[in-house]
Structure formats: structure tokens, C-alpha cells
Amino acid sequence: MMKRTIQLLTFVVLLPMAFSSFAQIEKYVAGTHYTELRAPVNTNDPSKVEVLEAFWYGCSHCFRFEPLLTDWASRQGDDVDFVHFPAMWNALMKIHGQIYYVAEALDAIDLVHESVFNAINIEGNRLQNEGQIAELFAKHGVDASDFEAAFNSFSVRTKVNQAEKRMQDYQIRSTPNMIVNGKYLVATGEAVRTQAEMLEVVDFLVEKERRMLSSSGE
């Protein structure tokens, strides 16, 4: 009798959890809330769940998204690899993408990332040529010769060109977009109306990929 009672209590406790898990699975659906990419894109570290933000410094939506995204990223575990990806489909976006990769090469992303957003979206400085960009980096203590070398380096040009080619792989048509583990594209739209909900979909997909990584490692 005692054994049956324990079994019944266990069932009662686990039943709401099962329904909750089922509801979560049904809440976000491929083709409605996110898009499955035609072919998976390789990630930087297969042992982690990569979450990539496709952004543009000149995008006002990305500018407003940045504080929300920064807070979200700060709460992720070590098994989540968060990556910025400068989107580009015109000449100005390529220059702005170059800004990001120059900052990366100079280990200065933390120094200039927010300032680039502010310069374009608040101050009206479009940062459309090397001189304007050099001035911004100089304000943050980056040596002019170091900046010039990085801005015109082969490695930075290569990263810009690679990013431009990967736009098609990621199926990016707007910004901000999120790519989860090189498999899923998440963007705002009819089904996902807010940036906060976009991150909820990302969390759902991260957990999905986390379970897959865990099961494959068993």
C-alpha cells in the first residue's frame, strides 16, 4: 500500500512538469516562430551551443536591442557561446562590419562597440570613411598607427568578405536576427512580435540544442 501511495504521489508531482514541458515544445514551432536553415552552418565550438546575433551598427532596432541582449548574454552559462556577426548587404554595412572586425583585431570591442552604436544612432555620425572611424578609435586610446594597420590588414578584409558570403548561409534578411547553433534563424515578425519574445524563442532553442549535446555525449 505504501509503495502504491508513493508511486501515486510521484505521478501527481511529475504530471504538471510533463504538461509544462509539452506546452513549451508546442509554444514555438519551426516555420512559425523560427526558421530551420537549409543547411547547418559550422559553429566556432561544437562542444557549446552557439548563439549568434546578426546586427548592423546603423540599425535603430539593433541599437534598442543592445541593452536587452547584453543583459541576456550576461546570464548565460559556460556552455553558451555568444557571437556578434555584422550583417552586410551594401557598401556602408561592409564598412561598419569592418569596424567590428578592426575592434576585434585590436581587442577593443568592449571599448568601442557601444560608442559606435551611439555615434551613428544618437550623434548622427554615419562613420562612413576611415578618417571618421579612426577618430572614434583614437578617442578610446587606440594608437593611430595600430588602427591604420588593422583597418587595412588582409585578415580584417578576409573576415569581412567571409561574413558577406555567410549572409546567404544564415538566410539573413533583416537585423537584428539571431542564429542558434548554426541551425535556426529567429527574427521578429507576425508570430514573434517583440525583441524580448525573440530571446524567449532563442532560450527555447538553446535548451533544445543543450539536450541534444547532452544526449550525444552520454
N, C-alpha and C. Protein backbone atom coordinates (compact mmCIF):
# COMPACT_ATOMS: atom_id res chain seq x y z
N MET A 1 0.82 -1.21 0.00
CA MET A 1 0.00 0.00 0.00
C MET A 1 0.86 1.26 0.00
N MET A 2 1.89 1.24 0.86
CA MET A 2 2.80 2.40 0.94
C MET A 2 3.47 2.64 -0.40
N LYS A 3 3.88 1.55 -1.10
CA LYS A 3 4.56 1.67 -2.38
C LYS A 3 3.66 2.31 -3.42
N ARG A 4 2.36 1.89 -3.41
CA ARG A 4 1.41 2.46 -4.36
C ARG A 4 1.17 3.94 -4.08
N THR A 5 1.14 4.29 -2.80
CA THR A 5 0.94 5.70 -2.42
C THR A 5 2.09 6.56 -2.92
N ILE A 6 3.31 6.07 -2.74
CA ILE A 6 4.49 6.81 -3.20
C ILE A 6 4.47 6.97 -4.71
N GLN A 7 4.09 5.89 -5.42
CA GLN A 7 4.02 5.95 -6.87
C GLN A 7 2.99 6.97 -7.33
N LEU A 8 1.83 6.99 -6.63
CA LEU A 8 0.77 7.93 -6.99
C LEU A 8 1.22 9.36 -6.75
N LEU A 9 1.89 9.61 -5.62
CA LEU A 9 2.38 10.95 -5.31
C LEU A 9 3.42 11.40 -6.34
N THR A 10 4.30 10.48 -6.73
CA THR A 10 5.31 10.80 -7.74
C THR A 10 4.65 11.19 -9.05
N PHE A 11 3.62 10.45 -9.43
CA PHE A 11 2.89 10.73 -10.68
C PHE A 11 2.24 12.10 -10.61
N VAL A 12 1.63 12.42 -9.45
CA VAL A 12 0.95 13.71 -9.29
C VAL A 12 1.95 14.86 -9.38
N VAL A 13 3.15 14.67 -8.82
CA VAL A 13 4.18 15.70 -8.85
C VAL A 13 4.73 15.90 -10.25
N LEU A 14 4.97 14.79 -10.96
CA LEU A 14 5.60 14.86 -12.27
C LEU A 14 4.64 15.24 -13.39
N LEU A 15 3.34 14.99 -13.19
CA LEU A 15 2.37 15.26 -14.25
C LEU A 15 2.36 16.72 -14.69
N PRO A 16 2.31 17.71 -13.76
CA PRO A 16 2.34 19.12 -14.20
C PRO A 16 3.63 19.45 -14.95
N MET A 17 4.75 18.85 -14.53
CA MET A 17 6.02 19.10 -15.20
C MET A 17 5.98 18.58 -16.63
N ALA A 18 5.36 17.42 -16.80
CA ALA A 18 5.26 16.84 -18.13
C ALA A 18 4.41 17.72 -19.03
N PHE A 19 3.26 18.20 -18.49
CA PHE A 19 2.42 19.08 -19.28
C PHE A 19 3.11 20.39 -19.60
N SER A 20 3.88 20.89 -18.61
CA SER A 20 4.63 22.14 -18.82
C SER A 20 5.64 21.98 -19.94
N SER A 21 6.38 20.86 -19.93
CA SER A 21 7.37 20.59 -20.98
C SER A 21 6.71 20.47 -22.33
N PHE A 22 5.56 19.78 -22.36
CA PHE A 22 4.84 19.61 -23.62
C PHE A 22 4.37 20.95 -24.15
N ALA A 23 3.86 21.80 -23.24
CA ALA A 23 3.38 23.12 -23.65
C ALA A 23 4.51 23.95 -24.22
N GLN A 24 5.70 23.85 -23.62
CA GLN A 24 6.84 24.61 -24.11
C GLN A 24 7.23 24.15 -25.51
N ILE A 25 7.20 22.84 -25.73
CA ILE A 25 7.55 22.31 -27.04
C ILE A 25 6.58 22.83 -28.09
N GLU A 26 5.29 22.87 -27.72
CA GLU A 26 4.28 23.32 -28.66
C GLU A 26 4.26 24.84 -28.83
N LYS A 27 4.80 25.57 -27.90
CA LYS A 27 4.70 27.03 -27.93
C LYS A 27 5.46 27.64 -29.10
N TYR A 28 6.63 27.10 -29.43
CA TYR A 28 7.44 27.64 -30.51
C TYR A 28 7.63 26.59 -31.59
N VAL A 29 7.21 26.92 -32.78
CA VAL A 29 7.13 25.95 -33.88
C VAL A 29 7.98 26.41 -35.06
N ALA A 30 8.73 25.47 -35.63
CA ALA A 30 9.53 25.77 -36.82
C ALA A 30 8.62 26.21 -37.96
N GLY A 31 9.05 27.23 -38.67
CA GLY A 31 8.25 27.76 -39.76
C GLY A 31 7.29 28.84 -39.33
N THR A 32 7.08 28.95 -38.02
CA THR A 32 6.20 30.00 -37.48
C THR A 32 6.97 30.97 -36.60
N HIS A 33 7.65 30.42 -35.59
CA HIS A 33 8.39 31.26 -34.66
C HIS A 33 9.89 31.32 -34.98
N TYR A 34 10.37 30.38 -35.72
CA TYR A 34 11.77 30.37 -36.16
C TYR A 34 11.88 29.60 -37.46
N THR A 35 13.01 29.77 -38.11
CA THR A 35 13.24 29.12 -39.40
C THR A 35 14.39 28.14 -39.28
N GLU A 36 14.20 26.94 -39.77
CA GLU A 36 15.30 25.99 -39.84
C GLU A 36 16.12 26.30 -41.09
N LEU A 37 17.41 26.52 -40.92
CA LEU A 37 18.26 26.84 -42.06
C LEU A 37 18.33 25.68 -43.04
N ARG A 38 18.51 26.00 -44.31
CA ARG A 38 18.55 24.96 -45.35
C ARG A 38 19.64 23.94 -45.07
N ALA A 39 20.78 24.42 -44.59
CA ALA A 39 21.89 23.53 -44.23
C ALA A 39 22.57 24.11 -43.00
N PRO A 40 22.89 23.29 -42.00
CA PRO A 40 23.57 23.80 -40.81
C PRO A 40 24.89 24.48 -41.16
N VAL A 41 25.19 25.58 -40.46
CA VAL A 41 26.44 26.32 -40.64
C VAL A 41 27.37 25.94 -39.51
N ASN A 42 28.63 25.67 -39.82
CA ASN A 42 29.59 25.29 -38.79
C ASN A 42 29.71 26.38 -37.72
N THR A 43 29.81 25.96 -36.48
CA THR A 43 29.98 26.89 -35.36
C THR A 43 31.44 26.90 -34.92
N ASN A 44 31.78 27.88 -34.08
CA ASN A 44 33.17 28.01 -33.63
C ASN A 44 33.59 26.88 -32.71
N ASP A 45 32.67 26.42 -31.86
CA ASP A 45 33.00 25.39 -30.87
C ASP A 45 31.84 24.40 -30.79
N PRO A 46 31.97 23.23 -31.41
CA PRO A 46 30.88 22.24 -31.43
C PRO A 46 30.49 21.72 -30.05
N SER A 47 31.34 21.93 -29.05
CA SER A 47 31.02 21.44 -27.71
C SER A 47 30.09 22.39 -26.97
N LYS A 48 29.81 23.56 -27.56
CA LYS A 48 28.93 24.54 -26.95
C LYS A 48 27.77 24.86 -27.87
N VAL A 49 26.75 25.51 -27.30
CA VAL A 49 25.62 25.98 -28.10
C VAL A 49 25.91 27.42 -28.51
N GLU A 50 26.10 27.63 -29.78
CA GLU A 50 26.43 28.97 -30.27
C GLU A 50 25.15 29.79 -30.50
N VAL A 51 25.15 31.01 -29.99
CA VAL A 51 24.07 31.95 -30.26
C VAL A 51 24.70 33.17 -30.92
N LEU A 52 24.31 33.41 -32.14
CA LEU A 52 24.92 34.47 -32.95
C LEU A 52 23.89 35.57 -33.18
N GLU A 53 24.31 36.82 -32.94
CA GLU A 53 23.45 37.96 -33.26
C GLU A 53 23.93 38.60 -34.55
N ALA A 54 23.07 38.64 -35.56
CA ALA A 54 23.36 39.37 -36.79
C ALA A 54 22.86 40.79 -36.58
N PHE A 55 23.76 41.75 -36.64
CA PHE A 55 23.42 43.14 -36.32
C PHE A 55 24.02 44.10 -37.33
N TRP A 56 23.55 45.33 -37.28
CA TRP A 56 24.16 46.42 -38.04
C TRP A 56 24.22 47.64 -37.13
N TYR A 57 25.38 48.28 -37.06
CA TYR A 57 25.53 49.45 -36.20
C TYR A 57 24.55 50.56 -36.58
N GLY A 58 24.17 50.63 -37.85
CA GLY A 58 23.25 51.68 -38.29
C GLY A 58 21.78 51.34 -38.13
N CYS A 59 21.49 50.18 -37.55
CA CYS A 59 20.10 49.73 -37.38
C CYS A 59 19.56 50.22 -36.03
N SER A 60 18.50 51.02 -36.09
CA SER A 60 17.93 51.56 -34.85
C SER A 60 17.33 50.44 -33.99
N HIS A 61 16.83 49.38 -34.62
CA HIS A 61 16.29 48.24 -33.86
C HIS A 61 17.42 47.53 -33.10
N CYS A 62 18.57 47.39 -33.76
CA CYS A 62 19.73 46.78 -33.10
C CYS A 62 20.22 47.64 -31.95
N PHE A 63 20.17 48.95 -32.15
CA PHE A 63 20.58 49.90 -31.12
C PHE A 63 19.71 49.74 -29.87
N ARG A 64 18.40 49.61 -30.07
CA ARG A 64 17.49 49.44 -28.93
C ARG A 64 17.60 48.04 -28.34
N PHE A 65 17.98 47.08 -29.15
CA PHE A 65 18.11 45.69 -28.70
C PHE A 65 19.35 45.47 -27.84
N GLU A 66 20.37 46.29 -28.04
CA GLU A 66 21.67 46.06 -27.43
C GLU A 66 21.62 45.91 -25.90
N PRO A 67 20.95 46.81 -25.15
CA PRO A 67 20.92 46.63 -23.68
C PRO A 67 20.22 45.33 -23.27
N LEU A 68 19.14 44.99 -23.95
CA LEU A 68 18.41 43.76 -23.66
C LEU A 68 19.28 42.55 -23.94
N LEU A 69 19.99 42.59 -25.06
CA LEU A 69 20.85 41.47 -25.45
C LEU A 69 22.04 41.34 -24.51
N THR A 70 22.62 42.45 -24.11
CA THR A 70 23.76 42.43 -23.19
C THR A 70 23.37 41.79 -21.86
N ASP A 71 22.19 42.15 -21.37
CA ASP A 71 21.69 41.54 -20.12
C ASP A 71 21.47 40.05 -20.31
N TRP A 72 20.87 39.67 -21.44
CA TRP A 72 20.63 38.25 -21.71
C TRP A 72 21.96 37.48 -21.76
N ALA A 73 22.93 38.02 -22.48
CA ALA A 73 24.23 37.34 -22.63
C ALA A 73 24.93 37.17 -21.28
N SER A 74 24.77 38.14 -20.39
CA SER A 74 25.44 38.09 -19.09
C SER A 74 24.91 36.97 -18.21
N ARG A 75 23.71 36.46 -18.54
CA ARG A 75 23.08 35.42 -17.72
C ARG A 75 23.25 34.02 -18.28
N GLN A 76 24.02 33.88 -19.35
CA GLN A 76 24.19 32.57 -19.97
C GLN A 76 25.30 31.77 -19.30
N GLY A 77 25.15 30.46 -19.37
CA GLY A 77 26.16 29.58 -18.78
C GLY A 77 27.37 29.41 -19.67
N ASP A 78 28.35 28.69 -19.17
CA ASP A 78 29.59 28.49 -19.91
C ASP A 78 29.40 27.65 -21.17
N ASP A 79 28.27 26.94 -21.24
CA ASP A 79 28.04 26.10 -22.42
C ASP A 79 27.41 26.85 -23.58
N VAL A 80 27.18 28.17 -23.41
CA VAL A 80 26.64 29.01 -24.48
C VAL A 80 27.73 29.94 -24.99
N ASP A 81 27.97 29.89 -26.29
CA ASP A 81 28.98 30.73 -26.93
C ASP A 81 28.28 31.83 -27.70
N PHE A 82 28.30 33.06 -27.15
CA PHE A 82 27.61 34.19 -27.77
C PHE A 82 28.55 34.89 -28.75
N VAL A 83 28.06 35.14 -29.97
CA VAL A 83 28.89 35.69 -31.04
C VAL A 83 28.16 36.85 -31.72
N HIS A 84 28.88 37.96 -31.93
CA HIS A 84 28.37 39.05 -32.75
C HIS A 84 28.71 38.78 -34.21
N PHE A 85 27.78 39.10 -35.10
CA PHE A 85 28.02 38.91 -36.53
C PHE A 85 27.50 40.14 -37.27
N PRO A 86 28.40 40.97 -37.82
CA PRO A 86 27.95 42.16 -38.54
C PRO A 86 27.33 41.79 -39.88
N ALA A 87 26.04 42.08 -40.01
CA ALA A 87 25.34 41.80 -41.26
C ALA A 87 25.75 42.85 -42.31
N MET A 88 25.70 42.45 -43.57
CA MET A 88 26.07 43.41 -44.63
C MET A 88 25.44 43.02 -45.95
N TRP A 89 24.74 43.98 -46.54
CA TRP A 89 24.21 43.79 -47.89
C TRP A 89 24.33 45.06 -48.72
N ASN A 90 25.16 46.01 -48.26
CA ASN A 90 25.50 47.17 -49.07
C ASN A 90 26.87 47.70 -48.62
N ALA A 91 27.36 48.71 -49.34
CA ALA A 91 28.73 49.20 -49.10
C ALA A 91 28.90 49.77 -47.69
N LEU A 92 27.92 50.53 -47.21
CA LEU A 92 28.04 51.14 -45.89
C LEU A 92 28.05 50.07 -44.80
N MET A 93 27.24 49.05 -44.96
CA MET A 93 27.23 47.98 -43.97
C MET A 93 28.55 47.23 -43.96
N LYS A 94 29.21 47.12 -45.11
CA LYS A 94 30.53 46.47 -45.15
C LYS A 94 31.54 47.29 -44.37
N ILE A 95 31.48 48.62 -44.50
CA ILE A 95 32.38 49.47 -43.73
C ILE A 95 32.12 49.31 -42.23
N HIS A 96 30.86 49.27 -41.86
CA HIS A 96 30.53 49.10 -40.44
C HIS A 96 30.91 47.71 -39.94
N GLY A 97 30.82 46.72 -40.82
CA GLY A 97 31.31 45.39 -40.45
C GLY A 97 32.81 45.40 -40.25
N GLN A 98 33.48 46.19 -41.08
CA GLN A 98 34.93 46.33 -40.95
C GLN A 98 35.29 46.95 -39.61
N ILE A 99 34.47 47.89 -39.13
CA ILE A 99 34.70 48.49 -37.81
C ILE A 99 34.74 47.39 -36.74
N TYR A 100 33.76 46.49 -36.81
CA TYR A 100 33.70 45.43 -35.80
C TYR A 100 34.94 44.56 -35.85
N TYR A 101 35.35 44.15 -37.03
CA TYR A 101 36.49 43.24 -37.13
C TYR A 101 37.82 43.94 -36.82
N VAL A 102 37.89 45.24 -37.06
CA VAL A 102 39.06 46.01 -36.62
C VAL A 102 39.11 46.03 -35.09
N ALA A 103 37.96 46.29 -34.47
CA ALA A 103 37.90 46.30 -33.00
C ALA A 103 38.28 44.94 -32.43
N GLU A 104 37.83 43.89 -33.10
CA GLU A 104 38.16 42.54 -32.66
C GLU A 104 39.66 42.30 -32.77
N ALA A 105 40.26 42.73 -33.88
CA ALA A 105 41.69 42.53 -34.09
C ALA A 105 42.52 43.29 -33.06
N LEU A 106 42.01 44.44 -32.62
CA LEU A 106 42.72 45.27 -31.65
C LEU A 106 42.31 44.97 -30.21
N ASP A 107 41.48 43.94 -30.03
CA ASP A 107 40.98 43.59 -28.69
C ASP A 107 40.31 44.81 -28.05
N ALA A 108 39.50 45.50 -28.86
CA ALA A 108 38.89 46.75 -28.40
C ALA A 108 37.37 46.75 -28.53
N ILE A 109 36.76 45.59 -28.67
CA ILE A 109 35.31 45.56 -28.82
C ILE A 109 34.61 46.15 -27.61
N ASP A 110 35.06 45.79 -26.42
CA ASP A 110 34.45 46.33 -25.20
C ASP A 110 34.62 47.84 -25.12
N LEU A 111 35.68 48.37 -25.71
CA LEU A 111 35.94 49.80 -25.68
C LEU A 111 35.02 50.58 -26.63
N VAL A 112 34.81 50.06 -27.85
CA VAL A 112 34.19 50.88 -28.89
C VAL A 112 32.80 50.43 -29.33
N HIS A 113 32.39 49.21 -29.00
CA HIS A 113 31.14 48.67 -29.54
C HIS A 113 29.95 49.59 -29.25
N GLU A 114 29.76 49.96 -28.01
CA GLU A 114 28.64 50.83 -27.64
C GLU A 114 28.81 52.22 -28.24
N SER A 115 30.05 52.70 -28.29
CA SER A 115 30.31 54.04 -28.83
C SER A 115 29.98 54.13 -30.32
N VAL A 116 30.22 53.05 -31.05
CA VAL A 116 29.88 53.04 -32.48
C VAL A 116 28.37 53.14 -32.64
N PHE A 117 27.63 52.38 -31.87
CA PHE A 117 26.17 52.47 -31.90
C PHE A 117 25.72 53.91 -31.59
N ASN A 118 26.29 54.50 -30.55
CA ASN A 118 25.89 55.84 -30.14
C ASN A 118 26.25 56.88 -31.19
N ALA A 119 27.43 56.75 -31.78
CA ALA A 119 27.87 57.72 -32.78
C ALA A 119 26.89 57.78 -33.95
N ILE A 120 26.45 56.62 -34.40
CA ILE A 120 25.57 56.56 -35.57
C ILE A 120 24.13 56.89 -35.21
N ASN A 121 23.63 56.32 -34.12
CA ASN A 121 22.20 56.43 -33.82
C ASN A 121 21.82 57.64 -32.97
N ILE A 122 22.77 58.21 -32.26
CA ILE A 122 22.47 59.38 -31.41
C ILE A 122 23.13 60.63 -31.95
N GLU A 123 24.41 60.53 -32.30
CA GLU A 123 25.18 61.70 -32.69
C GLU A 123 25.07 62.03 -34.18
N GLY A 124 24.53 61.13 -34.97
CA GLY A 124 24.36 61.39 -36.39
C GLY A 124 25.64 61.28 -37.20
N ASN A 125 26.66 60.65 -36.63
CA ASN A 125 27.93 60.43 -37.34
C ASN A 125 27.83 59.07 -38.02
N ARG A 126 27.75 59.05 -39.34
CA ARG A 126 27.49 57.81 -40.06
C ARG A 126 28.71 56.88 -40.11
N LEU A 127 29.87 57.38 -39.71
CA LEU A 127 31.10 56.57 -39.73
C LEU A 127 31.25 55.85 -41.07
N GLN A 128 31.33 56.64 -42.13
CA GLN A 128 31.33 56.07 -43.47
C GLN A 128 32.69 56.10 -44.17
N ASN A 129 33.73 56.54 -43.45
CA ASN A 129 35.06 56.51 -44.06
C ASN A 129 36.11 56.26 -42.98
N GLU A 130 37.32 55.95 -43.42
CA GLU A 130 38.39 55.58 -42.50
C GLU A 130 38.73 56.70 -41.53
N GLY A 131 38.72 57.94 -42.00
CA GLY A 131 39.06 59.06 -41.13
C GLY A 131 38.12 59.21 -39.95
N GLN A 132 36.82 59.15 -40.21
CA GLN A 132 35.83 59.26 -39.14
C GLN A 132 35.95 58.11 -38.15
N ILE A 133 36.20 56.94 -38.67
CA ILE A 133 36.33 55.76 -37.80
C ILE A 133 37.60 55.85 -36.97
N ALA A 134 38.69 56.33 -37.58
CA ALA A 134 39.95 56.48 -36.86
C ALA A 134 39.80 57.43 -35.69
N GLU A 135 39.04 58.51 -35.89
CA GLU A 135 38.82 59.48 -34.81
C GLU A 135 38.11 58.83 -33.63
N LEU A 136 37.13 58.00 -33.91
CA LEU A 136 36.40 57.34 -32.82
C LEU A 136 37.32 56.42 -32.05
N PHE A 137 38.13 55.63 -32.74
CA PHE A 137 39.06 54.73 -32.06
C PHE A 137 40.08 55.52 -31.24
N ALA A 138 40.53 56.64 -31.79
CA ALA A 138 41.52 57.47 -31.09
C ALA A 138 40.96 58.00 -29.78
N LYS A 139 39.66 58.32 -29.76
CA LYS A 139 39.02 58.81 -28.54
C LYS A 139 39.07 57.77 -27.42
N HIS A 140 39.22 56.53 -27.80
CA HIS A 140 39.28 55.46 -26.81
C HIS A 140 40.70 54.95 -26.59
N GLY A 141 41.68 55.76 -27.01
CA GLY A 141 43.07 55.46 -26.71
C GLY A 141 43.76 54.51 -27.65
N VAL A 142 43.14 54.22 -28.80
CA VAL A 142 43.77 53.32 -29.77
C VAL A 142 44.76 54.12 -30.60
N ASP A 143 46.00 53.65 -30.65
CA ASP A 143 47.05 54.33 -31.39
C ASP A 143 46.69 54.40 -32.89
N ALA A 144 46.95 55.55 -33.51
CA ALA A 144 46.56 55.77 -34.90
C ALA A 144 47.22 54.77 -35.84
N SER A 145 48.49 54.47 -35.61
CA SER A 145 49.20 53.53 -36.48
C SER A 145 48.67 52.11 -36.31
N ASP A 146 48.30 51.75 -35.08
CA ASP A 146 47.71 50.43 -34.84
C ASP A 146 46.37 50.31 -35.54
N PHE A 147 45.58 51.38 -35.45
CA PHE A 147 44.29 51.37 -36.12
C PHE A 147 44.46 51.24 -37.63
N GLU A 148 45.33 52.04 -38.21
CA GLU A 148 45.53 52.03 -39.66
C GLU A 148 45.98 50.65 -40.14
N ALA A 149 46.89 50.04 -39.38
CA ALA A 149 47.39 48.72 -39.76
C ALA A 149 46.27 47.69 -39.74
N ALA A 150 45.43 47.74 -38.71
CA ALA A 150 44.33 46.78 -38.60
C ALA A 150 43.27 47.04 -39.65
N PHE A 151 42.94 48.31 -39.87
CA PHE A 151 41.87 48.67 -40.80
C PHE A 151 42.19 48.20 -42.22
N ASN A 152 43.47 48.24 -42.58
CA ASN A 152 43.87 47.88 -43.93
C ASN A 152 44.52 46.49 -44.02
N SER A 153 44.36 45.71 -42.96
CA SER A 153 45.02 44.41 -42.91
C SER A 153 44.30 43.37 -43.77
N PHE A 154 45.05 42.41 -44.22
CA PHE A 154 44.49 41.31 -45.01
C PHE A 154 43.51 40.48 -44.18
N SER A 155 43.83 40.27 -42.89
CA SER A 155 42.98 39.44 -42.04
C SER A 155 41.61 40.06 -41.83
N VAL A 156 41.56 41.38 -41.64
CA VAL A 156 40.28 42.05 -41.46
C VAL A 156 39.48 42.02 -42.76
N ARG A 157 40.12 42.28 -43.88
CA ARG A 157 39.43 42.23 -45.17
C ARG A 157 38.88 40.82 -45.43
N THR A 158 39.65 39.82 -45.05
CA THR A 158 39.20 38.44 -45.23
C THR A 158 37.96 38.14 -44.39
N LYS A 159 37.94 38.59 -43.15
CA LYS A 159 36.79 38.36 -42.28
C LYS A 159 35.54 39.07 -42.81
N VAL A 160 35.71 40.26 -43.33
CA VAL A 160 34.58 40.99 -43.91
C VAL A 160 34.03 40.22 -45.11
N ASN A 161 34.91 39.76 -45.96
CA ASN A 161 34.47 39.01 -47.15
C ASN A 161 33.80 37.69 -46.77
N GLN A 162 34.35 37.03 -45.75
CA GLN A 162 33.75 35.77 -45.29
C GLN A 162 32.36 36.01 -44.70
N ALA A 163 32.24 37.09 -43.95
CA ALA A 163 30.94 37.42 -43.35
C ALA A 163 29.91 37.72 -44.43
N GLU A 164 30.32 38.43 -45.44
CA GLU A 164 29.41 38.75 -46.54
C GLU A 164 28.91 37.48 -47.23
N LYS A 165 29.79 36.52 -47.40
CA LYS A 165 29.41 35.26 -48.05
C LYS A 165 28.49 34.42 -47.16
N ARG A 166 28.69 34.52 -45.85
CA ARG A 166 27.89 33.71 -44.92
C ARG A 166 26.48 34.26 -44.73
N MET A 167 26.24 35.47 -45.19
CA MET A 167 24.89 36.04 -45.10
C MET A 167 23.86 35.11 -45.74
N GLN A 168 24.20 34.56 -46.89
CA GLN A 168 23.28 33.67 -47.59
C GLN A 168 23.09 32.36 -46.82
N ASP A 169 24.15 31.85 -46.23
CA ASP A 169 24.05 30.62 -45.44
C ASP A 169 23.11 30.80 -44.25
N TYR A 170 23.18 31.97 -43.63
CA TYR A 170 22.35 32.26 -42.47
C TYR A 170 20.93 32.70 -42.84
N GLN A 171 20.69 32.97 -44.11
CA GLN A 171 19.38 33.42 -44.61
C GLN A 171 18.93 34.72 -43.95
N ILE A 172 19.87 35.60 -43.69
CA ILE A 172 19.57 36.86 -43.01
C ILE A 172 18.99 37.86 -44.00
N ARG A 173 17.83 38.42 -43.64
CA ARG A 173 17.17 39.41 -44.49
C ARG A 173 16.91 40.73 -43.75
N SER A 174 17.15 40.73 -42.46
CA SER A 174 16.91 41.92 -41.65
C SER A 174 17.79 41.86 -40.42
N THR A 175 17.78 42.93 -39.64
CA THR A 175 18.52 42.95 -38.37
C THR A 175 17.63 43.59 -37.30
N PRO A 176 17.79 43.17 -36.03
CA PRO A 176 18.65 42.07 -35.60
C PRO A 176 18.00 40.71 -35.86
N ASN A 177 18.82 39.75 -36.17
CA ASN A 177 18.42 38.35 -36.28
C ASN A 177 19.30 37.54 -35.34
N MET A 178 18.78 36.40 -34.89
CA MET A 178 19.56 35.51 -34.04
C MET A 178 19.66 34.15 -34.72
N ILE A 179 20.86 33.58 -34.68
CA ILE A 179 21.10 32.25 -35.22
C ILE A 179 21.52 31.34 -34.07
N VAL A 180 20.78 30.26 -33.86
CA VAL A 180 21.09 29.35 -32.76
C VAL A 180 21.76 28.09 -33.30
N ASN A 181 23.00 27.93 -32.86
CA ASN A 181 23.82 26.75 -33.16
C ASN A 181 23.94 26.45 -34.65
N GLY A 182 23.93 27.49 -35.46
CA GLY A 182 24.09 27.32 -36.90
C GLY A 182 22.94 26.60 -37.57
N LYS A 183 21.79 26.47 -36.86
CA LYS A 183 20.66 25.69 -37.38
C LYS A 183 19.37 26.48 -37.53
N TYR A 184 19.16 27.44 -36.63
CA TYR A 184 17.86 28.09 -36.55
C TYR A 184 18.00 29.62 -36.62
N LEU A 185 17.14 30.24 -37.41
CA LEU A 185 17.08 31.69 -37.53
C LEU A 185 15.87 32.20 -36.76
N VAL A 186 16.08 33.19 -35.90
CA VAL A 186 15.00 33.79 -35.12
C VAL A 186 14.95 35.28 -35.42
N ALA A 187 13.78 35.78 -35.76
CA ALA A 187 13.60 37.20 -36.06
C ALA A 187 12.22 37.63 -35.59
N THR A 188 12.02 38.92 -35.42
CA THR A 188 10.69 39.42 -35.09
C THR A 188 9.82 39.38 -36.35
N GLY A 189 8.52 39.28 -36.13
CA GLY A 189 7.57 39.22 -37.24
C GLY A 189 6.17 39.07 -36.71
N GLU A 190 5.30 38.44 -37.49
CA GLU A 190 3.91 38.29 -37.09
C GLU A 190 3.77 37.43 -35.84
N ALA A 191 4.54 36.34 -35.77
CA ALA A 191 4.42 35.41 -34.64
C ALA A 191 5.29 35.83 -33.45
N VAL A 192 6.43 36.43 -33.74
CA VAL A 192 7.35 36.89 -32.69
C VAL A 192 7.38 38.41 -32.77
N ARG A 193 6.58 39.06 -31.95
CA ARG A 193 6.33 40.49 -32.12
C ARG A 193 7.34 41.40 -31.44
N THR A 194 8.00 40.93 -30.40
CA THR A 194 8.92 41.79 -29.65
C THR A 194 10.31 41.19 -29.58
N GLN A 195 11.28 42.03 -29.29
CA GLN A 195 12.65 41.55 -29.13
C GLN A 195 12.78 40.66 -27.90
N ALA A 196 12.00 40.96 -26.87
CA ALA A 196 12.03 40.11 -25.67
C ALA A 196 11.53 38.71 -26.00
N GLU A 197 10.47 38.62 -26.81
CA GLU A 197 9.96 37.30 -27.20
C GLU A 197 10.95 36.58 -28.11
N MET A 198 11.67 37.34 -28.93
CA MET A 198 12.69 36.73 -29.77
C MET A 198 13.72 36.00 -28.90
N LEU A 199 14.10 36.62 -27.79
CA LEU A 199 15.06 35.98 -26.89
C LEU A 199 14.44 34.78 -26.18
N GLU A 200 13.13 34.79 -25.96
CA GLU A 200 12.47 33.63 -25.38
C GLU A 200 12.54 32.44 -26.34
N VAL A 201 12.36 32.72 -27.63
CA VAL A 201 12.49 31.66 -28.62
C VAL A 201 13.92 31.15 -28.65
N VAL A 202 14.88 32.07 -28.56
CA VAL A 202 16.29 31.67 -28.52
C VAL A 202 16.55 30.77 -27.32
N ASP A 203 16.02 31.13 -26.16
CA ASP A 203 16.20 30.30 -24.96
C ASP A 203 15.63 28.90 -25.18
N PHE A 204 14.47 28.82 -25.81
CA PHE A 204 13.84 27.54 -26.11
C PHE A 204 14.75 26.69 -27.00
N LEU A 205 15.33 27.32 -28.03
CA LEU A 205 16.20 26.59 -28.96
C LEU A 205 17.54 26.22 -28.33
N VAL A 206 18.05 27.09 -27.47
CA VAL A 206 19.28 26.78 -26.74
C VAL A 206 19.08 25.53 -25.89
N GLU A 207 17.95 25.46 -25.20
CA GLU A 207 17.68 24.30 -24.35
C GLU A 207 17.52 23.04 -25.21
N LYS A 208 16.89 23.20 -26.37
CA LYS A 208 16.75 22.08 -27.29
C LYS A 208 18.11 21.55 -27.72
N GLU A 209 19.01 22.46 -28.09
CA GLU A 209 20.35 22.06 -28.52
C GLU A 209 21.18 21.54 -27.35
N ARG A 210 20.95 22.10 -26.19
CA ARG A 210 21.68 21.65 -24.99
C ARG A 210 21.34 20.18 -24.69
N ARG A 211 20.06 19.83 -24.82
CA ARG A 211 19.66 18.45 -24.59
C ARG A 211 20.28 17.52 -25.62
N MET A 212 20.36 17.98 -26.86
CA MET A 212 20.97 17.16 -27.91
C MET A 212 22.45 16.92 -27.65
N LEU A 213 23.15 18.00 -27.21
CA LEU A 213 24.58 17.85 -26.89
C LEU A 213 24.77 16.90 -25.72
N SER A 214 23.88 17.00 -24.73
CA SER A 214 23.99 16.16 -23.56
C SER A 214 23.77 14.69 -23.91
N SER A 215 22.77 14.43 -24.75
CA SER A 215 22.47 13.05 -25.12
C SER A 215 23.56 12.45 -26.01
N SER A 216 24.17 13.29 -26.86
CA SER A 216 25.22 12.79 -27.73
C SER A 216 26.50 12.50 -26.97
N GLY A 217 26.66 13.13 -25.80
CA GLY A 217 27.87 12.92 -25.01
C GLY A 217 27.75 11.77 -24.05
N GLU A 218 26.57 11.19 -23.94
CA GLU A 218 26.37 10.08 -23.00
C GLU A 218 27.01 8.80 -23.52
